[in-house]
């Protein structure tokens, strides 16, 4: 998954404030397995932060875009 572009992080509060390895750019899409979402999460109010399951994150890493994990992991 890392070779496909995924970042695997240890659990913690870093993503909430953008100290997790970088702040997403304006308009950048991020799929996170975190437990909450709000405007400005991960340090940029103009990035698109989506929440998904670990299966959805793995499928997105493999596909290079957000997809239904049932289409890849079935």
PDB file of N, CA and C in Angstrom:
ATOM      1  N   UNK A   1       0.824  -1.197   0.000  1.00  0.00           N
ATOM      2  CA  UNK A   1       0.000   0.000   0.000  1.00  0.00           C
ATOM      3  C   UNK A   1       0.865   1.256   0.000  1.00  0.00           C
ATOM      4  N   UNK A   2       1.967   1.218   0.724  1.00  0.00           N
ATOM      5  CA  UNK A   2       2.856   2.373   0.764  1.00  0.00           C
ATOM      6  C   UNK A   2       3.400   2.670  -0.631  1.00  0.00           C
ATOM      7  N   UNK A   3       3.766   1.620  -1.381  1.00  0.00           N
ATOM      8  CA  UNK A   3       4.265   1.822  -2.743  1.00  0.00           C
ATOM      9  C   UNK A   3       3.206   2.440  -3.645  1.00  0.00           C
ATOM     10  N   UNK A   4       1.933   2.237  -3.309  1.00  0.00           N
ATOM     11  CA  UNK A   4       0.833   2.810  -4.090  1.00  0.00           C
ATOM     12  C   UNK A   4       0.499   4.224  -3.648  1.00  0.00           C
ATOM     13  N   UNK A   5       1.163   4.734  -2.606  1.00  0.00           N
ATOM     14  CA  UNK A   5       0.947   6.112  -2.189  1.00  0.00           C
ATOM     15  C   UNK A   5       0.285   6.293  -0.840  1.00  0.00           C
ATOM     16  N   UNK A   6      -0.038   5.201  -0.151  1.00  0.00           N
ATOM     17  CA  UNK A   6      -0.676   5.314   1.163  1.00  0.00           C
ATOM     18  C   UNK A   6       0.343   5.707   2.217  1.00  0.00           C
ATOM     19  N   UNK A   7      -0.117   6.430   3.229  1.00  0.00           N
ATOM     20  CA  UNK A   7       0.689   6.714   4.405  1.00  0.00           C
ATOM     21  C   UNK A   7       0.077   5.923   5.550  1.00  0.00           C
ATOM     22  N   UNK A   8       0.862   5.114   6.206  1.00  0.00           N
ATOM     23  CA  UNK A   8       0.402   4.358   7.359  1.00  0.00           C
ATOM     24  C   UNK A   8       0.983   5.037   8.588  1.00  0.00           C
ATOM     25  N   UNK A   9       0.113   5.517   9.459  1.00  0.00           N
ATOM     26  CA  UNK A   9       0.542   6.282  10.624  1.00  0.00           C
ATOM     27  C   UNK A   9       0.148   5.576  11.907  1.00  0.00           C
ATOM     28  N   UNK A  10       0.882   5.843  12.964  1.00  0.00           N
ATOM     29  CA  UNK A  10       0.504   5.315  14.267  1.00  0.00           C
ATOM     30  C   UNK A  10      -0.717   6.079  14.769  1.00  0.00           C
ATOM     31  N   UNK A  11      -1.558   5.453  15.592  1.00  0.00           N
ATOM     32  CA  UNK A  11      -2.713   6.168  16.138  1.00  0.00           C
ATOM     33  C   UNK A  11      -2.264   7.367  16.957  1.00  0.00           C
ATOM     34  N   UNK A  12      -3.002   8.443  16.869  1.00  0.00           N
ATOM     35  CA  UNK A  12      -2.670   9.630  17.639  1.00  0.00           C
ATOM     36  C   UNK A  12      -3.427  10.838  17.137  1.00  0.00           C
ATOM     37  N   UNK A  13      -3.104  11.976  17.688  1.00  0.00           N
ATOM     38  CA  UNK A  13      -3.823  13.212  17.374  1.00  0.00           C
ATOM     39  C   UNK A  13      -3.145  14.036  16.284  1.00  0.00           C
ATOM     40  N   UNK A  14      -2.063  13.575  15.710  1.00  0.00           N
ATOM     41  CA  UNK A  14      -1.342  14.344  14.695  1.00  0.00           C
ATOM     42  C   UNK A  14      -2.168  14.791  13.510  1.00  0.00           C
ATOM     43  N   UNK A  15      -2.993  13.905  12.898  1.00  0.00           N
ATOM     44  CA  UNK A  15      -3.760  14.342  11.729  1.00  0.00           C
ATOM     45  C   UNK A  15      -4.727  15.486  12.010  1.00  0.00           C
ATOM     46  N   UNK A  16      -5.208  15.596  13.233  1.00  0.00           N
ATOM     47  CA  UNK A  16      -6.181  16.652  13.557  1.00  0.00           C
ATOM     48  C   UNK A  16      -5.618  18.041  13.299  1.00  0.00           C
ATOM     49  N   UNK A  17      -4.338  18.212  13.534  1.00  0.00           N
ATOM     50  CA  UNK A  17      -3.749  19.539  13.432  1.00  0.00           C
ATOM     51  C   UNK A  17      -2.706  19.639  12.326  1.00  0.00           C
ATOM     52  N   UNK A  18      -2.635  18.638  11.495  1.00  0.00           N
ATOM     53  CA  UNK A  18      -1.726  18.714  10.358  1.00  0.00           C
ATOM     54  C   UNK A  18      -0.274  18.441  10.678  1.00  0.00           C
ATOM     55  N   UNK A  19       0.010  17.688  11.720  1.00  0.00           N
ATOM     56  CA  UNK A  19       1.400  17.366  12.058  1.00  0.00           C
ATOM     57  C   UNK A  19       1.663  15.875  11.851  1.00  0.00           C
ATOM     58  N   UNK A  20       1.153  15.327  10.797  1.00  0.00           N
ATOM     59  CA  UNK A  20       1.208  13.899  10.535  1.00  0.00           C
ATOM     60  C   UNK A  20       2.036  13.554   9.309  1.00  0.00           C
ATOM     61  N   UNK A  21       2.826  14.452   8.855  1.00  0.00           N
ATOM     62  CA  UNK A  21       3.624  14.164   7.669  1.00  0.00           C
ATOM     63  C   UNK A  21       3.316  15.102   6.524  1.00  0.00           C
ATOM     64  N   UNK A  22       2.598  16.149   6.803  1.00  0.00           N
ATOM     65  CA  UNK A  22       2.300  17.126   5.770  1.00  0.00           C
ATOM     66  C   UNK A  22       0.855  17.577   5.808  1.00  0.00           C
ATOM     67  N   UNK A  23       0.614  18.767   5.320  1.00  0.00           N
ATOM     68  CA  UNK A  23      -0.730  19.322   5.250  1.00  0.00           C
ATOM     69  C   UNK A  23      -1.214  19.179   3.813  1.00  0.00           C
ATOM     70  N   UNK A  24      -2.431  18.637   3.611  1.00  0.00           N
ATOM     71  CA  UNK A  24      -2.925  18.487   2.241  1.00  0.00           C
ATOM     72  C   UNK A  24      -3.102  19.838   1.544  1.00  0.00           C
ATOM     73  N   UNK A  25      -2.903  19.851   0.246  1.00  0.00           N
ATOM     74  CA  UNK A  25      -3.037  21.062  -0.557  1.00  0.00           C
ATOM     75  C   UNK A  25      -4.513  21.412  -0.770  1.00  0.00           C
ATOM     76  N   UNK A  26      -4.775  22.627  -1.186  1.00  0.00           N
ATOM     77  CA  UNK A  26      -6.134  23.033  -1.532  1.00  0.00           C
ATOM     78  C   UNK A  26      -6.704  22.082  -2.580  1.00  0.00           C
ATOM     79  N   UNK A  27      -7.908  21.558  -2.328  1.00  0.00           N
ATOM     80  CA  UNK A  27      -8.563  20.677  -3.278  1.00  0.00           C
ATOM     81  C   UNK A  27      -8.062  19.245  -3.276  1.00  0.00           C
ATOM     82  N   UNK A  28      -7.022  18.954  -2.509  1.00  0.00           N
ATOM     83  CA  UNK A  28      -6.507  17.587  -2.468  1.00  0.00           C
ATOM     84  C   UNK A  28      -7.492  16.693  -1.723  1.00  0.00           C
ATOM     85  N   UNK A  29      -7.681  15.470  -2.218  1.00  0.00           N
ATOM     86  CA  UNK A  29      -8.555  14.500  -1.577  1.00  0.00           C
ATOM     87  C   UNK A  29      -7.743  13.604  -0.656  1.00  0.00           C
ATOM     88  N   UNK A  30      -8.255  13.416   0.551  1.00  0.00           N
ATOM     89  CA  UNK A  30      -7.618  12.550   1.530  1.00  0.00           C
ATOM     90  C   UNK A  30      -8.675  11.575   2.029  1.00  0.00           C
ATOM     91  N   UNK A  31      -8.353  10.308   2.071  1.00  0.00           N
ATOM     92  CA  UNK A  31      -9.221   9.301   2.672  1.00  0.00           C
ATOM     93  C   UNK A  31      -8.558   8.872   3.965  1.00  0.00           C
ATOM     94  N   UNK A  32      -9.231   9.123   5.068  1.00  0.00           N
ATOM     95  CA  UNK A  32      -8.677   8.839   6.388  1.00  0.00           C
ATOM     96  C   UNK A  32      -9.517   7.792   7.100  1.00  0.00           C
ATOM     97  N   UNK A  33      -8.853   6.982   7.917  1.00  0.00           N
ATOM     98  CA  UNK A  33      -9.574   6.028   8.744  1.00  0.00           C
ATOM     99  C   UNK A  33      -9.766   6.573  10.160  1.00  0.00           C
ATOM    100  N   UNK A  34      -9.552   7.878  10.335  1.00  0.00           N
ATOM    101  CA  UNK A  34      -9.766   8.505  11.644  1.00  0.00           C
ATOM    102  C   UNK A  34     -11.244   8.428  12.029  1.00  0.00           C
ATOM    103  N   UNK A  35     -11.531   8.778  13.250  1.00  0.00           N
ATOM    104  CA  UNK A  35     -12.897   8.615  13.743  1.00  0.00           C
ATOM    105  C   UNK A  35     -13.768   9.863  13.674  1.00  0.00           C
ATOM    106  N   UNK A  36     -13.263  10.950  13.130  1.00  0.00           N
ATOM    107  CA  UNK A  36     -14.091  12.148  13.004  1.00  0.00           C
ATOM    108  C   UNK A  36     -13.577  13.036  11.886  1.00  0.00           C
ATOM    109  N   UNK A  37     -14.415  13.970  11.493  1.00  0.00           N
ATOM    110  CA  UNK A  37     -14.069  14.864  10.399  1.00  0.00           C
ATOM    111  C   UNK A  37     -14.704  16.222  10.655  1.00  0.00           C
ATOM    112  N   UNK A  38     -14.051  17.273  10.265  1.00  0.00           N
ATOM    113  CA  UNK A  38     -14.582  18.625  10.378  1.00  0.00           C
ATOM    114  C   UNK A  38     -13.787  19.532   9.455  1.00  0.00           C
ATOM    115  N   UNK A  39     -14.356  20.674   9.127  1.00  0.00           N
ATOM    116  CA  UNK A  39     -13.688  21.619   8.221  1.00  0.00           C
ATOM    117  C   UNK A  39     -12.342  22.036   8.828  1.00  0.00           C
ATOM    118  N   UNK A  40     -11.319  21.936   8.047  1.00  0.00           N
ATOM    119  CA  UNK A  40      -9.982  22.293   8.509  1.00  0.00           C
ATOM    120  C   UNK A  40      -9.214  21.129   9.114  1.00  0.00           C
ATOM    121  N   UNK A  41      -9.841  19.983   9.121  1.00  0.00           N
ATOM    122  CA  UNK A  41      -9.131  18.813   9.665  1.00  0.00           C
ATOM    123  C   UNK A  41      -7.855  18.587   8.863  1.00  0.00           C
ATOM    124  N   UNK A  42      -6.825  18.198   9.513  1.00  0.00           N
ATOM    125  CA  UNK A  42      -5.513  17.928   8.933  1.00  0.00           C
ATOM    126  C   UNK A  42      -4.814  19.201   8.472  1.00  0.00           C
ATOM    127  N   UNK A  43      -5.282  20.347   8.957  1.00  0.00           N
ATOM    128  CA  UNK A  43      -4.543  21.576   8.759  1.00  0.00           C
ATOM    129  C   UNK A  43      -4.928  22.444   7.583  1.00  0.00           C
ATOM    130  N   UNK A  44      -5.880  22.031   6.741  1.00  0.00           N
ATOM    131  CA  UNK A  44      -6.258  22.856   5.594  1.00  0.00           C
ATOM    132  C   UNK A  44      -7.770  22.811   5.386  1.00  0.00           C
ATOM    133  N   UNK A  45      -8.448  23.942   5.574  1.00  0.00           N
ATOM    134  CA  UNK A  45      -9.901  23.956   5.384  1.00  0.00           C
ATOM    135  C   UNK A  45     -10.331  23.841   3.923  1.00  0.00           C
ATOM    136  N   UNK A  46      -9.374  23.882   2.995  1.00  0.00           N
ATOM    137  CA  UNK A  46      -9.709  23.810   1.569  1.00  0.00           C
ATOM    138  C   UNK A  46      -9.368  22.448   0.957  1.00  0.00           C
ATOM    139  N   UNK A  47      -8.945  21.498   1.789  1.00  0.00           N
ATOM    140  CA  UNK A  47      -8.717  20.121   1.332  1.00  0.00           C
ATOM    141  C   UNK A  47     -10.007  19.333   1.545  1.00  0.00           C
ATOM    142  N   UNK A  48     -10.158  18.235   0.834  1.00  0.00           N
ATOM    143  CA  UNK A  48     -11.335  17.386   0.957  1.00  0.00           C
ATOM    144  C   UNK A  48     -10.951  16.146   1.751  1.00  0.00           C
ATOM    145  N   UNK A  49     -11.460  16.040   2.965  1.00  0.00           N
ATOM    146  CA  UNK A  49     -11.131  14.931   3.846  1.00  0.00           C
ATOM    147  C   UNK A  49     -12.337  14.006   3.915  1.00  0.00           C
ATOM    148  N   UNK A  50     -12.143  12.760   3.522  1.00  0.00           N
ATOM    149  CA  UNK A  50     -13.205  11.753   3.554  1.00  0.00           C
ATOM    150  C   UNK A  50     -12.843  10.705   4.590  1.00  0.00           C
ATOM    151  N   UNK A  51     -13.843  10.174   5.274  1.00  0.00           N
ATOM    152  CA  UNK A  51     -13.619   9.101   6.233  1.00  0.00           C
ATOM    153  C   UNK A  51     -14.012   7.778   5.606  1.00  0.00           C
ATOM    154  N   UNK A  52     -13.243   6.750   5.886  1.00  0.00           N
ATOM    155  CA  UNK A  52     -13.541   5.430   5.355  1.00  0.00           C
ATOM    156  C   UNK A  52     -12.999   4.345   6.262  1.00  0.00           C
ATOM    157  N   UNK A  53     -13.436   3.153   6.015  1.00  0.00           N
ATOM    158  CA  UNK A  53     -12.966   1.998   6.770  1.00  0.00           C
ATOM    159  C   UNK A  53     -11.547   1.635   6.336  1.00  0.00           C
ATOM    160  N   UNK A  54     -10.869   0.799   7.106  1.00  0.00           N
ATOM    161  CA  UNK A  54      -9.565   0.316   6.655  1.00  0.00           C
ATOM    162  C   UNK A  54      -9.645  -0.377   5.294  1.00  0.00           C
ATOM    163  N   UNK A  55     -10.737  -1.101   5.034  1.00  0.00           N
ATOM    164  CA  UNK A  55     -10.894  -1.750   3.722  1.00  0.00           C
ATOM    165  C   UNK A  55     -11.002  -0.710   2.619  1.00  0.00           C
ATOM    166  N   UNK A  56     -11.737   0.373   2.880  1.00  0.00           N
ATOM    167  CA  UNK A  56     -11.864   1.433   1.879  1.00  0.00           C
ATOM    168  C   UNK A  56     -10.517   2.118   1.636  1.00  0.00           C
ATOM    169  N   UNK A  57      -9.744   2.314   2.687  1.00  0.00           N
ATOM    170  CA  UNK A  57      -8.422   2.937   2.534  1.00  0.00           C
ATOM    171  C   UNK A  57      -7.482   2.041   1.733  1.00  0.00           C
ATOM    172  N   UNK A  58      -7.512   0.736   2.012  1.00  0.00           N
ATOM    173  CA  UNK A  58      -6.660  -0.189   1.266  1.00  0.00           C
ATOM    174  C   UNK A  58      -7.061  -0.224  -0.201  1.00  0.00           C
ATOM    175  N   UNK A  59      -8.352  -0.261  -0.473  1.00  0.00           N
ATOM    176  CA  UNK A  59      -8.823  -0.280  -1.861  1.00  0.00           C
ATOM    177  C   UNK A  59      -8.435   1.002  -2.585  1.00  0.00           C
ATOM    178  N   UNK A  60      -8.562   2.140  -1.913  1.00  0.00           N
ATOM    179  CA  UNK A  60      -8.193   3.417  -2.532  1.00  0.00           C
ATOM    180  C   UNK A  60      -6.694   3.473  -2.822  1.00  0.00           C
ATOM    181  N   UNK A  61      -5.881   2.944  -1.918  1.00  0.00           N
ATOM    182  CA  UNK A  61      -4.435   2.935  -2.146  1.00  0.00           C
ATOM    183  C   UNK A  61      -4.088   2.084  -3.362  1.00  0.00           C
ATOM    184  N   UNK A  62      -4.765   0.969  -3.502  1.00  0.00           N
ATOM    185  CA  UNK A  62      -4.492   0.095  -4.644  1.00  0.00           C
ATOM    186  C   UNK A  62      -5.013   0.666  -5.957  1.00  0.00           C
ATOM    187  N   UNK A  63      -6.173   1.322  -5.905  1.00  0.00           N
ATOM    188  CA  UNK A  63      -6.789   1.852  -7.123  1.00  0.00           C
ATOM    189  C   UNK A  63      -6.278   3.237  -7.496  1.00  0.00           C
ATOM    190  N   UNK A  64      -5.702   3.953  -6.540  1.00  0.00           N
ATOM    191  CA  UNK A  64      -5.246   5.315  -6.814  1.00  0.00           C
ATOM    192  C   UNK A  64      -6.366   6.335  -6.776  1.00  0.00           C
ATOM    193  N   UNK A  65      -7.533   5.929  -6.303  1.00  0.00           N
ATOM    194  CA  UNK A  65      -8.683   6.831  -6.153  1.00  0.00           C
ATOM    195  C   UNK A  65      -9.654   6.163  -5.188  1.00  0.00           C
ATOM    196  N   UNK A  66     -10.602   6.926  -4.681  1.00  0.00           N
ATOM    197  CA  UNK A  66     -11.579   6.366  -3.753  1.00  0.00           C
ATOM    198  C   UNK A  66     -12.548   5.494  -4.535  1.00  0.00           C
ATOM    199  N   UNK A  67     -12.635   4.227  -4.129  1.00  0.00           N
ATOM    200  CA  UNK A  67     -13.504   3.254  -4.803  1.00  0.00           C
ATOM    201  C   UNK A  67     -14.243   2.437  -3.741  1.00  0.00           C
ATOM    202  N   UNK A  68     -15.252   1.729  -4.185  1.00  0.00           N
ATOM    203  CA  UNK A  68     -15.963   0.796  -3.325  1.00  0.00           C
ATOM    204  C   UNK A  68     -15.049  -0.402  -3.080  1.00  0.00           C
ATOM    205  N   UNK A  69     -14.667  -0.667  -1.826  1.00  0.00           N
ATOM    206  CA  UNK A  69     -13.716  -1.753  -1.588  1.00  0.00           C
ATOM    207  C   UNK A  69     -14.246  -3.121  -2.014  1.00  0.00           C
ATOM    208  N   UNK A  70     -15.540  -3.279  -2.109  1.00  0.00           N
ATOM    209  CA  UNK A  70     -16.083  -4.567  -2.539  1.00  0.00           C
ATOM    210  C   UNK A  70     -15.706  -4.886  -3.983  1.00  0.00           C
ATOM    211  N   UNK A  71     -15.364  -3.868  -4.773  1.00  0.00           N
ATOM    212  CA  UNK A  71     -14.988  -4.123  -6.172  1.00  0.00           C
ATOM    213  C   UNK A  71     -13.544  -4.592  -6.302  1.00  0.00           C
ATOM    214  N   UNK A  72     -12.733  -4.370  -5.281  1.00  0.00           N
ATOM    215  CA  UNK A  72     -11.320  -4.751  -5.339  1.00  0.00           C
ATOM    216  C   UNK A  72     -11.014  -5.906  -4.410  1.00  0.00           C
ATOM    217  N   UNK A  73     -11.580  -5.870  -3.240  1.00  0.00           N
ATOM    218  CA  UNK A  73     -11.212  -6.836  -2.215  1.00  0.00           C
ATOM    219  C   UNK A  73     -12.145  -8.043  -2.163  1.00  0.00           C
ATOM    220  N   UNK A  74     -12.995  -8.183  -3.141  1.00  0.00           N
ATOM    221  CA  UNK A  74     -13.960  -9.297  -3.118  1.00  0.00           C
ATOM    222  C   UNK A  74     -13.291 -10.605  -3.426  1.00  0.00           C
TER     223      UNK A  74
END
